[in-house]
Amino acid sequence: MTRERRDQLIDAYFAAMDNDNFELVEPAISENIRFESASGSVSSLEGFREYTEESRMISDSVHEVTRRIHAENASVCEGNVRGQTPEGPIEGAFCDVFEFDDDEERVTRISVYTRM
């Protein structure tokens, strides 16, 4: 899979998070997506949908990717994020690791690390 294609898949993920719209990322992720964050882990498309629509800790988010690193089977994005929580505004840094299936050209795993 090309770096450009990986970037498209990654951008679809951030667009879905920032627009609170799961449909933006659905075509980019595998049926067996594994998603891990401080909020918990899911290992299915439906679980990921539920997480993005109901369980996400931050709403109205804005992700600014400042660095992308592509390796053979994974890509890493670093950046800054801001948004809203039930307690009020929040700002911090993130490092997200994306793994891919080259044959189906989809994201198979997302690991989210944050420092707020």
N, C-alpha and C. Protein backbone atom coordinates (compact mmCIF):
# COMPACT_ATOMS: atom_id res chain seq x y z
N MET A 1 0.85 -1.17 0.00
CA MET A 1 0.00 0.00 0.00
C MET A 1 0.90 1.24 0.00
N THR A 2 0.54 2.22 -0.77
CA THR A 2 1.36 3.44 -0.86
C THR A 2 1.19 4.31 0.38
N ARG A 3 2.15 5.17 0.59
CA ARG A 3 2.04 6.13 1.70
C ARG A 3 0.84 7.05 1.50
N GLU A 4 0.60 7.41 0.26
CA GLU A 4 -0.54 8.29 -0.03
C GLU A 4 -1.85 7.63 0.36
N ARG A 5 -1.98 6.33 0.08
CA ARG A 5 -3.20 5.60 0.45
C ARG A 5 -3.32 5.51 1.97
N ARG A 6 -2.22 5.24 2.65
CA ARG A 6 -2.25 5.21 4.11
C ARG A 6 -2.69 6.57 4.66
N ASP A 7 -2.14 7.63 4.09
CA ASP A 7 -2.53 8.97 4.55
C ASP A 7 -4.02 9.21 4.35
N GLN A 8 -4.58 8.73 3.25
CA GLN A 8 -6.03 8.87 3.02
C GLN A 8 -6.83 8.16 4.10
N LEU A 9 -6.41 6.95 4.45
CA LEU A 9 -7.11 6.18 5.48
C LEU A 9 -7.00 6.86 6.85
N ILE A 10 -5.80 7.33 7.16
CA ILE A 10 -5.58 8.03 8.43
C ILE A 10 -6.39 9.31 8.47
N ASP A 11 -6.39 10.07 7.38
CA ASP A 11 -7.16 11.31 7.33
C ASP A 11 -8.66 11.05 7.50
N ALA A 12 -9.15 9.93 6.98
CA ALA A 12 -10.56 9.57 7.16
C ALA A 12 -10.86 9.35 8.64
N TYR A 13 -9.94 8.74 9.36
CA TYR A 13 -10.12 8.52 10.80
C TYR A 13 -10.22 9.86 11.54
N PHE A 14 -9.26 10.75 11.30
CA PHE A 14 -9.28 12.04 12.00
C PHE A 14 -10.51 12.87 11.61
N ALA A 15 -10.92 12.81 10.36
CA ALA A 15 -12.13 13.53 9.93
C ALA A 15 -13.36 12.99 10.66
N ALA A 16 -13.44 11.68 10.82
CA ALA A 16 -14.57 11.08 11.53
C ALA A 16 -14.59 11.52 12.99
N MET A 17 -13.42 11.52 13.63
CA MET A 17 -13.35 11.93 15.04
C MET A 17 -13.73 13.41 15.19
N ASP A 18 -13.18 14.26 14.32
CA ASP A 18 -13.40 15.70 14.46
C ASP A 18 -14.79 16.14 14.03
N ASN A 19 -15.46 15.35 13.21
CA ASN A 19 -16.81 15.69 12.77
C ASN A 19 -17.88 14.84 13.45
N ASP A 20 -17.47 14.01 14.42
CA ASP A 20 -18.40 13.10 15.11
C ASP A 20 -19.27 12.37 14.10
N ASN A 21 -18.62 11.80 13.07
CA ASN A 21 -19.35 11.16 11.98
C ASN A 21 -18.66 9.85 11.59
N PHE A 22 -19.16 8.74 12.14
CA PHE A 22 -18.56 7.43 11.91
C PHE A 22 -18.52 7.07 10.43
N GLU A 23 -19.50 7.49 9.67
CA GLU A 23 -19.56 7.12 8.25
C GLU A 23 -18.34 7.59 7.46
N LEU A 24 -17.66 8.62 7.94
CA LEU A 24 -16.47 9.11 7.25
C LEU A 24 -15.31 8.11 7.32
N VAL A 25 -15.27 7.30 8.37
CA VAL A 25 -14.17 6.36 8.54
C VAL A 25 -14.56 4.92 8.21
N GLU A 26 -15.83 4.62 8.19
CA GLU A 26 -16.26 3.23 7.99
C GLU A 26 -15.62 2.56 6.77
N PRO A 27 -15.56 3.21 5.60
CA PRO A 27 -14.94 2.54 4.44
C PRO A 27 -13.43 2.32 4.59
N ALA A 28 -12.81 3.00 5.54
CA ALA A 28 -11.36 2.93 5.70
C ALA A 28 -10.89 1.87 6.69
N ILE A 29 -11.82 1.29 7.45
CA ILE A 29 -11.41 0.35 8.50
C ILE A 29 -11.92 -1.06 8.24
N SER A 30 -11.18 -2.01 8.76
CA SER A 30 -11.49 -3.43 8.60
C SER A 30 -12.68 -3.83 9.46
N GLU A 31 -13.38 -4.87 9.04
CA GLU A 31 -14.47 -5.44 9.84
C GLU A 31 -13.96 -5.88 11.21
N ASN A 32 -12.71 -6.29 11.28
CA ASN A 32 -12.11 -6.79 12.52
C ASN A 32 -11.19 -5.76 13.16
N ILE A 33 -11.53 -4.48 13.05
CA ILE A 33 -10.70 -3.42 13.60
C ILE A 33 -10.44 -3.65 15.08
N ARG A 34 -9.22 -3.41 15.50
CA ARG A 34 -8.85 -3.45 16.91
C ARG A 34 -8.51 -2.01 17.28
N PHE A 35 -9.26 -1.46 18.25
CA PHE A 35 -9.06 -0.07 18.67
C PHE A 35 -8.74 -0.06 20.15
N GLU A 36 -7.66 0.63 20.52
CA GLU A 36 -7.22 0.70 21.91
C GLU A 36 -6.96 2.14 22.29
N SER A 37 -7.52 2.54 23.43
CA SER A 37 -7.27 3.89 23.95
C SER A 37 -7.43 3.85 25.47
N ALA A 38 -7.21 4.99 26.11
CA ALA A 38 -7.39 5.08 27.56
C ALA A 38 -8.84 4.81 27.95
N SER A 39 -9.77 5.00 27.01
CA SER A 39 -11.19 4.77 27.27
C SER A 39 -11.56 3.29 27.22
N GLY A 40 -10.66 2.46 26.70
CA GLY A 40 -10.95 1.04 26.58
C GLY A 40 -10.57 0.51 25.22
N SER A 41 -10.92 -0.75 24.99
CA SER A 41 -10.58 -1.42 23.74
C SER A 41 -11.82 -2.04 23.12
N VAL A 42 -11.84 -2.08 21.80
CA VAL A 42 -12.89 -2.77 21.05
C VAL A 42 -12.22 -3.57 19.94
N SER A 43 -12.93 -4.60 19.47
CA SER A 43 -12.31 -5.44 18.43
C SER A 43 -13.32 -5.86 17.37
N SER A 44 -14.13 -4.89 16.95
CA SER A 44 -15.07 -5.15 15.85
C SER A 44 -15.52 -3.82 15.27
N LEU A 45 -16.06 -3.88 14.08
CA LEU A 45 -16.58 -2.68 13.44
C LEU A 45 -17.71 -2.08 14.26
N GLU A 46 -18.63 -2.92 14.75
CA GLU A 46 -19.74 -2.41 15.56
C GLU A 46 -19.26 -1.83 16.88
N GLY A 47 -18.26 -2.47 17.48
CA GLY A 47 -17.70 -1.93 18.72
C GLY A 47 -17.06 -0.58 18.50
N PHE A 48 -16.38 -0.42 17.37
CA PHE A 48 -15.75 0.85 17.06
C PHE A 48 -16.80 1.92 16.78
N ARG A 49 -17.87 1.52 16.09
CA ARG A 49 -18.98 2.46 15.85
C ARG A 49 -19.55 2.94 17.18
N GLU A 50 -19.81 2.01 18.09
CA GLU A 50 -20.37 2.37 19.40
C GLU A 50 -19.42 3.31 20.15
N TYR A 51 -18.13 3.00 20.10
CA TYR A 51 -17.16 3.87 20.76
C TYR A 51 -17.23 5.29 20.19
N THR A 52 -17.19 5.43 18.87
CA THR A 52 -17.16 6.76 18.28
C THR A 52 -18.46 7.52 18.49
N GLU A 53 -19.58 6.81 18.55
CA GLU A 53 -20.87 7.47 18.67
C GLU A 53 -21.33 7.67 20.11
N GLU A 54 -20.84 6.84 21.05
CA GLU A 54 -21.40 6.89 22.40
C GLU A 54 -20.37 6.98 23.53
N SER A 55 -19.19 6.44 23.35
CA SER A 55 -18.27 6.28 24.49
C SER A 55 -17.07 7.21 24.46
N ARG A 56 -16.88 7.94 23.42
CA ARG A 56 -15.71 8.79 23.30
C ARG A 56 -15.69 9.87 24.37
N MET A 57 -14.54 10.08 25.01
CA MET A 57 -14.44 11.04 26.11
C MET A 57 -14.41 12.49 25.63
N ILE A 58 -13.96 12.72 24.40
CA ILE A 58 -13.81 14.09 23.88
C ILE A 58 -14.79 14.30 22.74
N SER A 59 -15.50 15.42 22.78
CA SER A 59 -16.37 15.81 21.67
C SER A 59 -15.84 17.11 21.07
N ASP A 60 -16.36 17.48 19.92
CA ASP A 60 -15.94 18.71 19.24
C ASP A 60 -14.41 18.79 19.13
N SER A 61 -13.80 17.68 18.80
CA SER A 61 -12.33 17.64 18.77
C SER A 61 -11.78 18.26 17.49
N VAL A 62 -10.56 18.72 17.61
CA VAL A 62 -9.78 19.19 16.47
C VAL A 62 -8.39 18.57 16.62
N HIS A 63 -8.03 17.71 15.68
CA HIS A 63 -6.71 17.09 15.67
C HIS A 63 -5.81 17.83 14.68
N GLU A 64 -4.63 18.18 15.12
CA GLU A 64 -3.62 18.79 14.25
C GLU A 64 -2.44 17.82 14.20
N VAL A 65 -2.28 17.14 13.08
CA VAL A 65 -1.18 16.19 12.92
C VAL A 65 0.07 16.98 12.56
N THR A 66 1.11 16.81 13.38
CA THR A 66 2.36 17.54 13.15
C THR A 66 3.47 16.66 12.60
N ARG A 67 3.28 15.34 12.67
CA ARG A 67 4.32 14.43 12.18
C ARG A 67 3.70 13.09 11.82
N ARG A 68 4.15 12.53 10.70
CA ARG A 68 3.74 11.19 10.26
C ARG A 68 5.00 10.39 9.97
N ILE A 69 5.00 9.17 10.46
CA ILE A 69 6.11 8.26 10.21
C ILE A 69 5.52 6.97 9.66
N HIS A 70 5.99 6.54 8.50
CA HIS A 70 5.48 5.32 7.88
C HIS A 70 6.56 4.23 7.94
N ALA A 71 6.19 3.08 8.47
CA ALA A 71 7.06 1.90 8.47
C ALA A 71 6.44 0.85 7.57
N GLU A 72 6.98 -0.35 7.57
CA GLU A 72 6.50 -1.38 6.65
C GLU A 72 5.02 -1.70 6.83
N ASN A 73 4.59 -1.97 8.06
CA ASN A 73 3.20 -2.38 8.30
C ASN A 73 2.42 -1.44 9.21
N ALA A 74 3.02 -0.31 9.56
CA ALA A 74 2.34 0.61 10.47
C ALA A 74 2.74 2.05 10.15
N SER A 75 1.90 2.96 10.60
CA SER A 75 2.18 4.39 10.50
C SER A 75 1.88 5.03 11.85
N VAL A 76 2.65 6.05 12.19
CA VAL A 76 2.49 6.75 13.46
C VAL A 76 2.20 8.21 13.16
N CYS A 77 1.21 8.76 13.86
CA CYS A 77 0.90 10.19 13.75
C CYS A 77 1.02 10.83 15.12
N GLU A 78 1.76 11.93 15.16
CA GLU A 78 1.86 12.73 16.39
C GLU A 78 1.18 14.06 16.13
N GLY A 79 0.70 14.67 17.20
CA GLY A 79 0.11 15.98 17.04
C GLY A 79 -0.53 16.50 18.30
N ASN A 80 -1.37 17.49 18.11
CA ASN A 80 -2.09 18.13 19.20
C ASN A 80 -3.58 17.96 18.99
N VAL A 81 -4.31 17.90 20.09
CA VAL A 81 -5.76 17.76 20.03
C VAL A 81 -6.38 18.68 21.06
N ARG A 82 -7.51 19.23 20.69
CA ARG A 82 -8.30 20.00 21.65
C ARG A 82 -9.75 19.63 21.44
N GLY A 83 -10.54 19.82 22.48
CA GLY A 83 -11.95 19.48 22.39
C GLY A 83 -12.66 19.74 23.70
N GLN A 84 -13.83 19.13 23.84
CA GLN A 84 -14.67 19.32 25.02
C GLN A 84 -14.85 17.99 25.74
N THR A 85 -14.87 18.06 27.07
CA THR A 85 -15.24 16.92 27.91
C THR A 85 -16.39 17.38 28.79
N PRO A 86 -17.04 16.47 29.49
CA PRO A 86 -18.09 16.91 30.42
C PRO A 86 -17.58 17.90 31.46
N GLU A 87 -16.29 17.87 31.76
CA GLU A 87 -15.70 18.79 32.74
C GLU A 87 -15.28 20.12 32.14
N GLY A 88 -15.30 20.24 30.81
CA GLY A 88 -14.91 21.48 30.16
C GLY A 88 -13.89 21.26 29.06
N PRO A 89 -13.29 22.35 28.56
CA PRO A 89 -12.33 22.25 27.46
C PRO A 89 -11.08 21.47 27.88
N ILE A 90 -10.47 20.82 26.88
CA ILE A 90 -9.26 20.04 27.13
C ILE A 90 -8.32 20.22 25.95
N GLU A 91 -7.02 20.18 26.24
CA GLU A 91 -5.99 20.29 25.21
C GLU A 91 -4.87 19.34 25.56
N GLY A 92 -4.24 18.77 24.55
CA GLY A 92 -3.13 17.87 24.83
C GLY A 92 -2.43 17.41 23.57
N ALA A 93 -1.59 16.41 23.76
CA ALA A 93 -0.82 15.83 22.66
C ALA A 93 -1.27 14.39 22.46
N PHE A 94 -1.09 13.88 21.24
CA PHE A 94 -1.43 12.49 20.96
C PHE A 94 -0.35 11.85 20.10
N CYS A 95 -0.33 10.54 20.17
CA CYS A 95 0.49 9.72 19.29
C CYS A 95 -0.36 8.50 18.96
N ASP A 96 -0.79 8.38 17.73
CA ASP A 96 -1.66 7.28 17.29
C ASP A 96 -0.88 6.37 16.36
N VAL A 97 -1.01 5.07 16.59
CA VAL A 97 -0.34 4.06 15.76
C VAL A 97 -1.40 3.34 14.95
N PHE A 98 -1.22 3.31 13.64
CA PHE A 98 -2.17 2.68 12.72
C PHE A 98 -1.50 1.47 12.07
N GLU A 99 -2.20 0.33 12.06
CA GLU A 99 -1.73 -0.84 11.34
C GLU A 99 -2.70 -1.12 10.20
N PHE A 100 -2.19 -1.76 9.13
CA PHE A 100 -2.96 -1.90 7.90
C PHE A 100 -2.95 -3.32 7.36
N ASP A 101 -3.96 -3.63 6.57
CA ASP A 101 -3.98 -4.84 5.75
C ASP A 101 -3.78 -4.36 4.32
N ASP A 102 -2.63 -4.70 3.75
CA ASP A 102 -2.31 -4.22 2.40
C ASP A 102 -3.26 -4.77 1.35
N ASP A 103 -3.74 -6.01 1.54
CA ASP A 103 -4.61 -6.62 0.53
C ASP A 103 -5.96 -5.92 0.45
N GLU A 104 -6.57 -5.65 1.60
CA GLU A 104 -7.88 -4.99 1.57
C GLU A 104 -7.78 -3.48 1.66
N GLU A 105 -6.56 -2.96 1.85
CA GLU A 105 -6.31 -1.52 1.95
C GLU A 105 -7.21 -0.86 2.97
N ARG A 106 -7.15 -1.39 4.18
CA ARG A 106 -7.92 -0.84 5.29
C ARG A 106 -7.08 -0.82 6.56
N VAL A 107 -7.51 -0.02 7.51
CA VAL A 107 -6.87 0.03 8.82
C VAL A 107 -7.36 -1.17 9.63
N THR A 108 -6.43 -1.90 10.24
CA THR A 108 -6.80 -3.07 11.04
C THR A 108 -6.64 -2.83 12.53
N ARG A 109 -5.85 -1.83 12.90
CA ARG A 109 -5.63 -1.56 14.32
C ARG A 109 -5.27 -0.10 14.51
N ILE A 110 -5.84 0.49 15.57
CA ILE A 110 -5.50 1.86 15.96
C ILE A 110 -5.22 1.84 17.45
N SER A 111 -4.03 2.30 17.83
CA SER A 111 -3.66 2.43 19.24
C SER A 111 -3.46 3.91 19.52
N VAL A 112 -4.20 4.43 20.48
CA VAL A 112 -4.22 5.87 20.77
C VAL A 112 -3.52 6.13 22.10
N TYR A 113 -2.56 7.03 22.08
CA TYR A 113 -1.85 7.44 23.29
C TYR A 113 -2.00 8.96 23.41
N THR A 114 -2.38 9.43 24.59
CA THR A 114 -2.58 10.87 24.78
C THR A 114 -1.88 11.35 26.04
N ARG A 115 -1.58 12.64 26.04
CA ARG A 115 -1.06 13.33 27.22
C ARG A 115 -1.86 14.63 27.32
N MET A 116 -2.74 14.68 28.28
CA MET A 116 -3.62 15.85 28.43
C MET A 116 -3.20 16.71 29.61
